Amino acid sequence: MAIMSMRNTTYSIQTSVYVVYLDAIGLFGTTIGMLFAIVEIVSGFGALFAGRAMRLGDPHRTMLSGTVLSIVLIAITPLLGGIFVLLLLAQAVHGWLEGLIQPVILSVQARAIGRHQQGAVVGLRQTGQRLTSILIPPLMGAIADRWGAGECFVILGGLMLLLCLPLAMIIRRASRPNAGSTGT
């Protein structure tokens, strides 16, 4: 659930200050629209790779590493200097990761619980997504008002990456064999 909320945070950034920032650095509406379109196009291809990704490695690590990379790709937006090709490349990789991560998350959730809990988990996931959609835009706006629009990407990205550390420890601990068993 935490990874899904973290993943949704990058979407909340894109639909709020990201657009304002791109407009402020002189990109036109059509160009900004193209950046959003590439995310959606490439996301479809990422989703097609999700099954293979589930077989290639630990799905929990795939979810976390994809989420971390998505956060980094959004956080570096001001460092790309408004160069359209770099922004497009960052958006393409971000979109591919978003498309990959979503089905992996849904698959992991479905495997982790019984049929009678599916509705509750979907509701909890939706609540987490709504919460990030409610909290992130005003938080990012407050950071932008205080330190600047470009700086808010780096600041919020850093905070989100820090929040990924406990998730990484939980995933690492869960993937280790039970250290307390004697093997009898």
N, C-alpha and C. Protein backbone atom coordinates (compact mmCIF):
# COMPACT_ATOMS: atom_id res chain seq x y z
N MET A 1 0.83 -1.19 0.00
CA MET A 1 0.00 0.00 0.00
C MET A 1 0.88 1.26 0.00
N ALA A 2 1.95 1.21 0.75
CA ALA A 2 2.83 2.37 0.83
C ALA A 2 3.49 2.65 -0.52
N ILE A 3 3.89 1.59 -1.22
CA ILE A 3 4.51 1.79 -2.53
C ILE A 3 3.50 2.39 -3.50
N MET A 4 2.27 1.93 -3.44
CA MET A 4 1.24 2.48 -4.33
C MET A 4 1.04 3.98 -4.05
N SER A 5 1.04 4.35 -2.79
CA SER A 5 0.89 5.77 -2.46
C SER A 5 2.10 6.57 -2.94
N MET A 6 3.29 6.00 -2.77
CA MET A 6 4.50 6.69 -3.22
C MET A 6 4.48 6.84 -4.75
N ARG A 7 4.04 5.80 -5.44
CA ARG A 7 3.95 5.83 -6.89
C ARG A 7 2.97 6.91 -7.33
N ASN A 8 1.88 7.04 -6.63
CA ASN A 8 0.87 8.05 -6.97
C ASN A 8 1.38 9.47 -6.70
N THR A 9 2.34 9.60 -5.83
CA THR A 9 2.90 10.92 -5.52
C THR A 9 3.50 11.56 -6.76
N THR A 10 4.18 10.75 -7.59
CA THR A 10 4.77 11.32 -8.80
C THR A 10 3.68 11.81 -9.76
N TYR A 11 2.57 11.10 -9.81
CA TYR A 11 1.44 11.55 -10.63
C TYR A 11 0.88 12.86 -10.10
N SER A 12 0.77 12.98 -8.79
CA SER A 12 0.26 14.21 -8.19
C SER A 12 1.17 15.40 -8.48
N ILE A 13 2.47 15.14 -8.51
CA ILE A 13 3.42 16.20 -8.85
C ILE A 13 3.21 16.63 -10.30
N GLN A 14 3.08 15.64 -11.18
CA GLN A 14 2.93 15.95 -12.61
C GLN A 14 1.68 16.75 -12.91
N THR A 15 0.62 16.50 -12.19
CA THR A 15 -0.63 17.18 -12.50
C THR A 15 -0.78 18.49 -11.74
N SER A 16 0.26 18.90 -11.04
CA SER A 16 0.16 20.17 -10.32
C SER A 16 1.33 21.07 -10.69
N VAL A 17 2.34 21.13 -9.88
CA VAL A 17 3.43 22.09 -10.05
C VAL A 17 4.27 21.81 -11.30
N TYR A 18 4.32 20.57 -11.75
CA TYR A 18 5.08 20.22 -12.96
C TYR A 18 4.61 21.06 -14.15
N VAL A 19 3.31 21.13 -14.32
CA VAL A 19 2.74 21.89 -15.43
C VAL A 19 3.06 23.38 -15.26
N VAL A 20 2.91 23.89 -14.07
CA VAL A 20 3.19 25.30 -13.79
C VAL A 20 4.67 25.60 -14.06
N TYR A 21 5.53 24.70 -13.62
CA TYR A 21 6.96 24.87 -13.81
C TYR A 21 7.32 24.90 -15.30
N LEU A 22 6.79 23.95 -16.06
CA LEU A 22 7.09 23.89 -17.49
C LEU A 22 6.61 25.14 -18.21
N ASP A 23 5.45 25.65 -17.81
CA ASP A 23 4.94 26.89 -18.39
C ASP A 23 5.86 28.06 -18.03
N ALA A 24 6.32 28.08 -16.78
CA ALA A 24 7.18 29.17 -16.32
C ALA A 24 8.53 29.20 -17.03
N ILE A 25 9.03 28.04 -17.46
CA ILE A 25 10.32 28.04 -18.16
C ILE A 25 10.16 28.23 -19.67
N GLY A 26 8.92 28.47 -20.11
CA GLY A 26 8.69 28.86 -21.49
C GLY A 26 8.21 27.78 -22.44
N LEU A 27 7.84 26.63 -21.93
CA LEU A 27 7.30 25.61 -22.83
C LEU A 27 5.85 25.95 -23.14
N PHE A 28 5.44 25.65 -24.36
CA PHE A 28 4.08 25.93 -24.80
C PHE A 28 3.15 24.79 -24.41
N GLY A 29 1.87 25.07 -24.41
CA GLY A 29 0.87 24.08 -24.03
C GLY A 29 0.95 22.81 -24.86
N THR A 30 1.18 22.95 -26.15
CA THR A 30 1.29 21.77 -27.02
C THR A 30 2.49 20.91 -26.62
N THR A 31 3.59 21.55 -26.31
CA THR A 31 4.80 20.83 -25.90
C THR A 31 4.57 20.12 -24.57
N ILE A 32 3.94 20.80 -23.64
CA ILE A 32 3.63 20.19 -22.34
C ILE A 32 2.69 19.01 -22.55
N GLY A 33 1.71 19.18 -23.42
CA GLY A 33 0.79 18.09 -23.73
C GLY A 33 1.51 16.89 -24.32
N MET A 34 2.53 17.14 -25.14
CA MET A 34 3.31 16.04 -25.71
C MET A 34 4.06 15.27 -24.62
N LEU A 35 4.54 15.99 -23.62
CA LEU A 35 5.23 15.32 -22.51
C LEU A 35 4.28 14.41 -21.74
N PHE A 36 3.04 14.86 -21.58
CA PHE A 36 2.05 14.02 -20.90
C PHE A 36 1.64 12.84 -21.77
N ALA A 37 1.53 13.08 -23.07
CA ALA A 37 1.14 12.00 -23.99
C ALA A 37 2.18 10.89 -24.02
N ILE A 38 3.46 11.25 -23.98
CA ILE A 38 4.50 10.22 -24.02
C ILE A 38 4.44 9.33 -22.80
N VAL A 39 4.09 9.91 -21.64
CA VAL A 39 3.94 9.09 -20.43
C VAL A 39 2.88 8.03 -20.65
N GLU A 40 1.75 8.42 -21.19
CA GLU A 40 0.64 7.49 -21.39
C GLU A 40 0.95 6.44 -22.45
N ILE A 41 1.58 6.86 -23.54
CA ILE A 41 1.92 5.92 -24.60
C ILE A 41 2.90 4.86 -24.09
N VAL A 42 3.97 5.31 -23.49
CA VAL A 42 5.01 4.39 -23.03
C VAL A 42 4.53 3.56 -21.85
N SER A 43 3.62 4.09 -21.07
CA SER A 43 3.05 3.35 -19.94
C SER A 43 2.40 2.05 -20.41
N GLY A 44 1.75 2.11 -21.55
CA GLY A 44 1.14 0.90 -22.11
C GLY A 44 2.17 -0.18 -22.40
N PHE A 45 3.32 0.23 -22.91
CA PHE A 45 4.38 -0.74 -23.19
C PHE A 45 4.98 -1.28 -21.90
N GLY A 46 5.11 -0.43 -20.90
CA GLY A 46 5.61 -0.89 -19.60
C GLY A 46 4.69 -1.94 -19.00
N ALA A 47 3.39 -1.73 -19.14
CA ALA A 47 2.41 -2.69 -18.60
C ALA A 47 2.55 -4.04 -19.29
N LEU A 48 2.87 -4.04 -20.58
CA LEU A 48 3.05 -5.30 -21.30
C LEU A 48 4.26 -6.09 -20.79
N PHE A 49 5.20 -5.41 -20.18
CA PHE A 49 6.41 -6.05 -19.66
C PHE A 49 6.24 -6.53 -18.22
N ALA A 50 5.15 -6.17 -17.56
CA ALA A 50 4.97 -6.46 -16.14
C ALA A 50 5.04 -7.96 -15.83
N GLY A 51 4.41 -8.79 -16.63
CA GLY A 51 4.44 -10.23 -16.39
C GLY A 51 5.85 -10.78 -16.43
N ARG A 52 6.62 -10.32 -17.40
CA ARG A 52 8.01 -10.75 -17.51
C ARG A 52 8.81 -10.26 -16.30
N ALA A 53 8.56 -9.04 -15.87
CA ALA A 53 9.27 -8.49 -14.71
C ALA A 53 8.95 -9.29 -13.45
N MET A 54 7.72 -9.78 -13.34
CA MET A 54 7.34 -10.60 -12.18
C MET A 54 8.15 -11.90 -12.15
N ARG A 55 8.43 -12.44 -13.32
CA ARG A 55 9.18 -13.70 -13.39
C ARG A 55 10.69 -13.49 -13.26
N LEU A 56 11.18 -12.33 -13.62
CA LEU A 56 12.62 -12.08 -13.63
C LEU A 56 13.21 -11.81 -12.25
N GLY A 57 12.42 -11.28 -11.36
CA GLY A 57 12.98 -10.92 -10.07
C GLY A 57 11.91 -10.80 -9.01
N ASP A 58 12.33 -10.36 -7.85
CA ASP A 58 11.42 -10.17 -6.72
C ASP A 58 10.47 -9.01 -7.02
N PRO A 59 9.16 -9.29 -7.07
CA PRO A 59 8.20 -8.22 -7.40
C PRO A 59 8.25 -7.04 -6.42
N HIS A 60 8.51 -7.31 -5.15
CA HIS A 60 8.58 -6.22 -4.17
C HIS A 60 9.74 -5.28 -4.49
N ARG A 61 10.88 -5.86 -4.82
CA ARG A 61 12.03 -5.03 -5.18
C ARG A 61 11.79 -4.29 -6.49
N THR A 62 11.11 -4.96 -7.42
CA THR A 62 10.78 -4.30 -8.68
C THR A 62 9.90 -3.09 -8.43
N MET A 63 8.89 -3.26 -7.57
CA MET A 63 7.99 -2.14 -7.26
C MET A 63 8.77 -0.99 -6.62
N LEU A 64 9.60 -1.31 -5.64
CA LEU A 64 10.32 -0.26 -4.92
C LEU A 64 11.35 0.42 -5.82
N SER A 65 12.14 -0.36 -6.54
CA SER A 65 13.17 0.26 -7.39
C SER A 65 12.53 1.09 -8.51
N GLY A 66 11.43 0.61 -9.07
CA GLY A 66 10.73 1.40 -10.09
C GLY A 66 10.16 2.68 -9.53
N THR A 67 9.64 2.61 -8.31
CA THR A 67 9.10 3.81 -7.66
C THR A 67 10.21 4.80 -7.35
N VAL A 68 11.33 4.32 -6.84
CA VAL A 68 12.46 5.20 -6.54
C VAL A 68 12.95 5.89 -7.81
N LEU A 69 13.10 5.13 -8.88
CA LEU A 69 13.55 5.72 -10.13
C LEU A 69 12.54 6.73 -10.67
N SER A 70 11.25 6.45 -10.52
CA SER A 70 10.21 7.40 -10.95
C SER A 70 10.31 8.70 -10.16
N ILE A 71 10.54 8.59 -8.87
CA ILE A 71 10.70 9.79 -8.02
C ILE A 71 11.91 10.59 -8.49
N VAL A 72 13.02 9.91 -8.74
CA VAL A 72 14.23 10.60 -9.19
C VAL A 72 13.98 11.31 -10.52
N LEU A 73 13.29 10.64 -11.44
CA LEU A 73 13.03 11.23 -12.75
C LEU A 73 12.17 12.49 -12.67
N ILE A 74 11.26 12.53 -11.72
CA ILE A 74 10.45 13.74 -11.53
C ILE A 74 11.26 14.80 -10.78
N ALA A 75 12.02 14.38 -9.78
CA ALA A 75 12.79 15.33 -8.96
C ALA A 75 13.86 16.06 -9.77
N ILE A 76 14.39 15.43 -10.81
CA ILE A 76 15.46 16.08 -11.59
C ILE A 76 14.93 17.02 -12.67
N THR A 77 13.63 17.17 -12.76
CA THR A 77 13.04 18.03 -13.80
C THR A 77 13.74 19.38 -13.92
N PRO A 78 13.95 20.13 -12.83
CA PRO A 78 14.59 21.44 -13.01
C PRO A 78 16.07 21.33 -13.42
N LEU A 79 16.68 20.18 -13.16
CA LEU A 79 18.08 20.00 -13.53
C LEU A 79 18.26 19.71 -15.02
N LEU A 80 17.16 19.45 -15.72
CA LEU A 80 17.22 19.14 -17.15
C LEU A 80 17.26 20.39 -18.01
N GLY A 81 17.19 21.55 -17.36
CA GLY A 81 17.38 22.82 -18.04
C GLY A 81 16.34 23.19 -19.08
N GLY A 82 15.16 22.59 -19.00
CA GLY A 82 14.11 22.90 -19.95
C GLY A 82 14.39 22.37 -21.34
N ILE A 83 15.37 21.49 -21.49
CA ILE A 83 15.70 20.90 -22.78
C ILE A 83 14.65 19.83 -23.09
N PHE A 84 13.89 20.08 -24.15
CA PHE A 84 12.73 19.24 -24.46
C PHE A 84 13.10 17.77 -24.61
N VAL A 85 14.18 17.47 -25.30
CA VAL A 85 14.57 16.07 -25.53
C VAL A 85 14.85 15.38 -24.20
N LEU A 86 15.50 16.06 -23.28
CA LEU A 86 15.79 15.46 -21.96
C LEU A 86 14.51 15.28 -21.15
N LEU A 87 13.63 16.28 -21.21
CA LEU A 87 12.34 16.16 -20.52
C LEU A 87 11.53 15.00 -21.10
N LEU A 88 11.56 14.88 -22.43
CA LEU A 88 10.83 13.80 -23.11
C LEU A 88 11.39 12.44 -22.71
N LEU A 89 12.70 12.32 -22.68
CA LEU A 89 13.34 11.06 -22.29
C LEU A 89 13.00 10.71 -20.84
N ALA A 90 13.07 11.68 -19.95
CA ALA A 90 12.72 11.44 -18.54
C ALA A 90 11.26 11.01 -18.41
N GLN A 91 10.39 11.66 -19.17
CA GLN A 91 8.97 11.30 -19.13
C GLN A 91 8.73 9.92 -19.72
N ALA A 92 9.46 9.57 -20.75
CA ALA A 92 9.29 8.24 -21.37
C ALA A 92 9.70 7.14 -20.40
N VAL A 93 10.83 7.30 -19.75
CA VAL A 93 11.27 6.30 -18.78
C VAL A 93 10.31 6.26 -17.60
N HIS A 94 9.89 7.42 -17.15
CA HIS A 94 8.93 7.51 -16.05
C HIS A 94 7.62 6.80 -16.42
N GLY A 95 7.13 7.05 -17.62
CA GLY A 95 5.89 6.42 -18.07
C GLY A 95 6.02 4.90 -18.15
N TRP A 96 7.15 4.44 -18.69
CA TRP A 96 7.38 3.00 -18.79
C TRP A 96 7.37 2.36 -17.40
N LEU A 97 8.03 3.01 -16.46
CA LEU A 97 8.05 2.50 -15.09
C LEU A 97 6.67 2.50 -14.46
N GLU A 98 5.91 3.56 -14.69
CA GLU A 98 4.56 3.63 -14.14
C GLU A 98 3.70 2.50 -14.69
N GLY A 99 3.82 2.25 -15.99
CA GLY A 99 3.07 1.17 -16.60
C GLY A 99 3.50 -0.20 -16.08
N LEU A 100 4.77 -0.35 -15.81
CA LEU A 100 5.29 -1.61 -15.28
C LEU A 100 4.87 -1.83 -13.83
N ILE A 101 4.99 -0.81 -13.03
CA ILE A 101 4.77 -0.94 -11.59
C ILE A 101 3.31 -1.23 -11.24
N GLN A 102 2.39 -0.56 -11.90
CA GLN A 102 0.96 -0.71 -11.54
C GLN A 102 0.50 -2.16 -11.58
N PRO A 103 0.69 -2.91 -12.68
CA PRO A 103 0.24 -4.31 -12.67
C PRO A 103 0.99 -5.19 -11.66
N VAL A 104 2.25 -4.87 -11.43
CA VAL A 104 3.02 -5.64 -10.44
C VAL A 104 2.41 -5.42 -9.06
N ILE A 105 2.08 -4.18 -8.74
CA ILE A 105 1.45 -3.87 -7.45
C ILE A 105 0.13 -4.62 -7.31
N LEU A 106 -0.69 -4.55 -8.34
CA LEU A 106 -1.99 -5.22 -8.28
C LEU A 106 -1.84 -6.73 -8.13
N SER A 107 -0.86 -7.30 -8.81
CA SER A 107 -0.62 -8.73 -8.72
C SER A 107 -0.14 -9.13 -7.32
N VAL A 108 0.78 -8.36 -6.78
CA VAL A 108 1.29 -8.65 -5.43
C VAL A 108 0.16 -8.54 -4.41
N GLN A 109 -0.67 -7.52 -4.54
CA GLN A 109 -1.79 -7.37 -3.62
C GLN A 109 -2.75 -8.55 -3.71
N ALA A 110 -3.05 -8.96 -4.93
CA ALA A 110 -4.00 -10.06 -5.12
C ALA A 110 -3.46 -11.36 -4.53
N ARG A 111 -2.16 -11.57 -4.64
CA ARG A 111 -1.55 -12.80 -4.10
C ARG A 111 -1.41 -12.77 -2.58
N ALA A 112 -1.33 -11.57 -2.01
CA ALA A 112 -1.05 -11.45 -0.58
C ALA A 112 -2.27 -11.64 0.30
N ILE A 113 -3.47 -11.57 -0.27
CA ILE A 113 -4.67 -11.64 0.55
C ILE A 113 -5.67 -12.63 -0.03
N GLY A 114 -6.62 -13.00 0.79
CA GLY A 114 -7.67 -13.90 0.35
C GLY A 114 -8.74 -13.17 -0.45
N ARG A 115 -9.58 -13.95 -1.11
CA ARG A 115 -10.64 -13.37 -1.95
C ARG A 115 -11.58 -12.47 -1.16
N HIS A 116 -11.85 -12.85 0.07
CA HIS A 116 -12.80 -12.07 0.88
C HIS A 116 -12.26 -10.71 1.29
N GLN A 117 -10.95 -10.48 1.11
CA GLN A 117 -10.35 -9.20 1.48
C GLN A 117 -10.05 -8.30 0.28
N GLN A 118 -10.31 -8.79 -0.92
CA GLN A 118 -9.97 -8.04 -2.13
C GLN A 118 -10.60 -6.64 -2.15
N GLY A 119 -11.87 -6.57 -1.85
CA GLY A 119 -12.56 -5.27 -1.87
C GLY A 119 -11.98 -4.29 -0.86
N ALA A 120 -11.66 -4.79 0.31
CA ALA A 120 -11.08 -3.92 1.34
C ALA A 120 -9.72 -3.38 0.90
N VAL A 121 -8.92 -4.22 0.26
CA VAL A 121 -7.60 -3.78 -0.19
C VAL A 121 -7.72 -2.77 -1.32
N VAL A 122 -8.65 -3.00 -2.24
CA VAL A 122 -8.87 -2.03 -3.32
C VAL A 122 -9.30 -0.69 -2.72
N GLY A 123 -10.20 -0.73 -1.75
CA GLY A 123 -10.64 0.50 -1.09
C GLY A 123 -9.50 1.20 -0.37
N LEU A 124 -8.66 0.43 0.30
CA LEU A 124 -7.52 1.00 1.01
C LEU A 124 -6.53 1.62 0.02
N ARG A 125 -6.29 0.92 -1.09
CA ARG A 125 -5.39 1.44 -2.11
C ARG A 125 -5.94 2.76 -2.67
N GLN A 126 -7.23 2.80 -2.97
CA GLN A 126 -7.85 4.02 -3.49
C GLN A 126 -7.76 5.16 -2.48
N THR A 127 -7.95 4.83 -1.22
CA THR A 127 -7.84 5.85 -0.17
C THR A 127 -6.44 6.42 -0.12
N GLY A 128 -5.43 5.54 -0.21
CA GLY A 128 -4.04 6.01 -0.23
C GLY A 128 -3.76 6.90 -1.42
N GLN A 129 -4.29 6.52 -2.58
CA GLN A 129 -4.11 7.34 -3.78
C GLN A 129 -4.79 8.70 -3.63
N ARG A 130 -5.99 8.70 -3.10
CA ARG A 130 -6.71 9.97 -2.91
C ARG A 130 -5.97 10.86 -1.91
N LEU A 131 -5.45 10.23 -0.86
CA LEU A 131 -4.73 11.00 0.16
C LEU A 131 -3.51 11.69 -0.44
N THR A 132 -2.73 10.96 -1.24
CA THR A 132 -1.57 11.62 -1.85
C THR A 132 -2.01 12.68 -2.86
N SER A 133 -3.11 12.43 -3.56
CA SER A 133 -3.61 13.42 -4.52
C SER A 133 -4.11 14.68 -3.82
N ILE A 134 -4.53 14.54 -2.58
CA ILE A 134 -4.99 15.69 -1.80
C ILE A 134 -3.82 16.42 -1.15
N LEU A 135 -2.85 15.68 -0.63
CA LEU A 135 -1.76 16.28 0.15
C LEU A 135 -0.61 16.85 -0.69
N ILE A 136 -0.23 16.15 -1.74
CA ILE A 136 0.98 16.53 -2.47
C ILE A 136 0.88 17.89 -3.17
N PRO A 137 -0.18 18.19 -3.94
CA PRO A 137 -0.20 19.50 -4.61
C PRO A 137 -0.09 20.70 -3.65
N PRO A 138 -0.85 20.75 -2.54
CA PRO A 138 -0.66 21.91 -1.66
C PRO A 138 0.71 21.91 -0.97
N LEU A 139 1.22 20.71 -0.63
CA LEU A 139 2.55 20.64 -0.02
C LEU A 139 3.60 21.16 -1.00
N MET A 140 3.51 20.71 -2.23
CA MET A 140 4.46 21.16 -3.24
C MET A 140 4.31 22.66 -3.49
N GLY A 141 3.07 23.14 -3.50
CA GLY A 141 2.84 24.57 -3.67
C GLY A 141 3.45 25.38 -2.53
N ALA A 142 3.31 24.89 -1.30
CA ALA A 142 3.89 25.58 -0.15
C ALA A 142 5.42 25.61 -0.25
N ILE A 143 5.99 24.48 -0.66
CA ILE A 143 7.45 24.42 -0.83
C ILE A 143 7.88 25.38 -1.94
N ALA A 144 7.13 25.41 -3.03
CA ALA A 144 7.44 26.32 -4.15
C ALA A 144 7.32 27.78 -3.72
N ASP A 145 6.31 28.10 -2.93
CA ASP A 145 6.15 29.47 -2.45
C ASP A 145 7.33 29.88 -1.57
N ARG A 146 7.82 28.97 -0.79
CA ARG A 146 8.90 29.27 0.16
C ARG A 146 10.28 29.30 -0.51
N TRP A 147 10.57 28.26 -1.35
CA TRP A 147 11.92 28.11 -1.89
C TRP A 147 12.00 28.23 -3.41
N GLY A 148 10.89 28.19 -4.11
CA GLY A 148 10.90 28.29 -5.57
C GLY A 148 10.38 27.02 -6.22
N ALA A 149 9.84 27.18 -7.42
CA ALA A 149 9.22 26.05 -8.12
C ALA A 149 10.24 24.98 -8.48
N GLY A 150 11.39 25.38 -8.98
CA GLY A 150 12.41 24.40 -9.33
C GLY A 150 12.92 23.64 -8.12
N GLU A 151 13.12 24.37 -7.04
CA GLU A 151 13.65 23.76 -5.83
C GLU A 151 12.67 22.78 -5.20
N CYS A 152 11.37 23.03 -5.38
CA CYS A 152 10.40 22.15 -4.73
C CYS A 152 10.46 20.73 -5.29
N PHE A 153 10.86 20.56 -6.56
CA PHE A 153 11.01 19.22 -7.12
C PHE A 153 12.09 18.44 -6.36
N VAL A 154 13.22 19.11 -6.15
CA VAL A 154 14.34 18.46 -5.48
C VAL A 154 14.02 18.21 -4.00
N ILE A 155 13.41 19.19 -3.34
CA ILE A 155 13.09 19.04 -1.92
C ILE A 155 12.07 17.93 -1.71
N LEU A 156 10.97 17.96 -2.45
CA LEU A 156 9.95 16.93 -2.28
C LEU A 156 10.47 15.57 -2.73
N GLY A 157 11.24 15.55 -3.82
CA GLY A 157 11.84 14.29 -4.27
C GLY A 157 12.74 13.70 -3.20
N GLY A 158 13.54 14.54 -2.55
CA GLY A 158 14.41 14.07 -1.46
C GLY A 158 13.61 13.51 -0.30
N LEU A 159 12.53 14.21 0.07
CA LEU A 159 11.67 13.71 1.16
C LEU A 159 11.03 12.37 0.80
N MET A 160 10.58 12.25 -0.43
CA MET A 160 9.95 11.00 -0.86
C MET A 160 10.96 9.86 -0.88
N LEU A 161 12.19 10.15 -1.31
CA LEU A 161 13.23 9.12 -1.31
C LEU A 161 13.55 8.68 0.12
N LEU A 162 13.56 9.63 1.04
CA LEU A 162 13.77 9.27 2.45
C LEU A 162 12.66 8.35 2.95
N LEU A 163 11.43 8.60 2.52
CA LEU A 163 10.31 7.74 2.91
C LEU A 163 10.42 6.34 2.30
N CYS A 164 11.16 6.22 1.23
CA CYS A 164 11.36 4.90 0.61
C CYS A 164 12.34 4.04 1.41
N LEU A 165 13.19 4.65 2.23
CA LEU A 165 14.16 3.88 3.01
C LEU A 165 13.50 2.87 3.95
N PRO A 166 12.49 3.27 4.73
CA PRO A 166 11.84 2.25 5.58
C PRO A 166 11.19 1.14 4.74
N LEU A 167 10.67 1.48 3.59
CA LEU A 167 10.09 0.46 2.71
C LEU A 167 11.16 -0.52 2.25
N ALA A 168 12.32 0.01 1.92
CA ALA A 168 13.42 -0.85 1.48
C ALA A 168 13.83 -1.80 2.61
N MET A 169 13.87 -1.30 3.83
CA MET A 169 14.24 -2.16 4.97
C MET A 169 13.19 -3.23 5.20
N ILE A 170 11.93 -2.88 5.07
CA ILE A 170 10.85 -3.86 5.25
C ILE A 170 10.93 -4.94 4.18
N ILE A 171 11.13 -4.54 2.95
CA ILE A 171 11.23 -5.49 1.84
C ILE A 171 12.46 -6.39 2.02
N ARG A 172 13.55 -5.79 2.42
CA ARG A 172 14.78 -6.57 2.64
C ARG A 172 14.58 -7.58 3.76
N ARG A 173 13.97 -7.15 4.84
CA ARG A 173 13.72 -8.04 5.98
C ARG A 173 12.76 -9.16 5.59
N ALA A 174 11.75 -8.84 4.82
CA ALA A 174 10.76 -9.84 4.41
C ALA A 174 11.34 -10.86 3.44
N SER A 175 12.34 -10.48 2.66
CA SER A 175 12.90 -11.40 1.67
C SER A 175 13.98 -12.31 2.25
N ARG A 176 14.47 -12.00 3.43
CA ARG A 176 15.47 -12.86 4.08
C ARG A 176 14.82 -14.12 4.60
N PRO A 177 15.56 -15.23 4.56
CA PRO A 177 15.05 -16.44 5.22
C PRO A 177 14.90 -16.21 6.71
N ASN A 178 14.01 -16.90 7.33
CA ASN A 178 13.75 -16.73 8.76
C ASN A 178 15.01 -17.04 9.55
N ALA A 179 15.60 -16.02 10.13
CA ALA A 179 16.87 -16.16 10.86
C ALA A 179 16.67 -16.92 12.17
N GLY A 180 15.46 -16.91 12.67
CA GLY A 180 15.21 -17.55 13.96
C GLY A 180 14.98 -19.05 13.87
N SER A 181 14.80 -19.58 12.67
CA SER A 181 14.52 -21.02 12.59
C SER A 181 15.82 -21.80 12.69
N THR A 182 15.71 -23.00 13.26
CA THR A 182 16.88 -23.84 13.48
C THR A 182 17.07 -24.84 12.37
N GLY A 183 16.12 -24.95 11.47
CA GLY A 183 16.24 -25.87 10.34
C GLY A 183 16.03 -27.32 10.71
N THR A 184 15.33 -27.62 11.83
CA THR A 184 15.13 -29.01 12.23
C THR A 184 14.02 -29.67 11.50
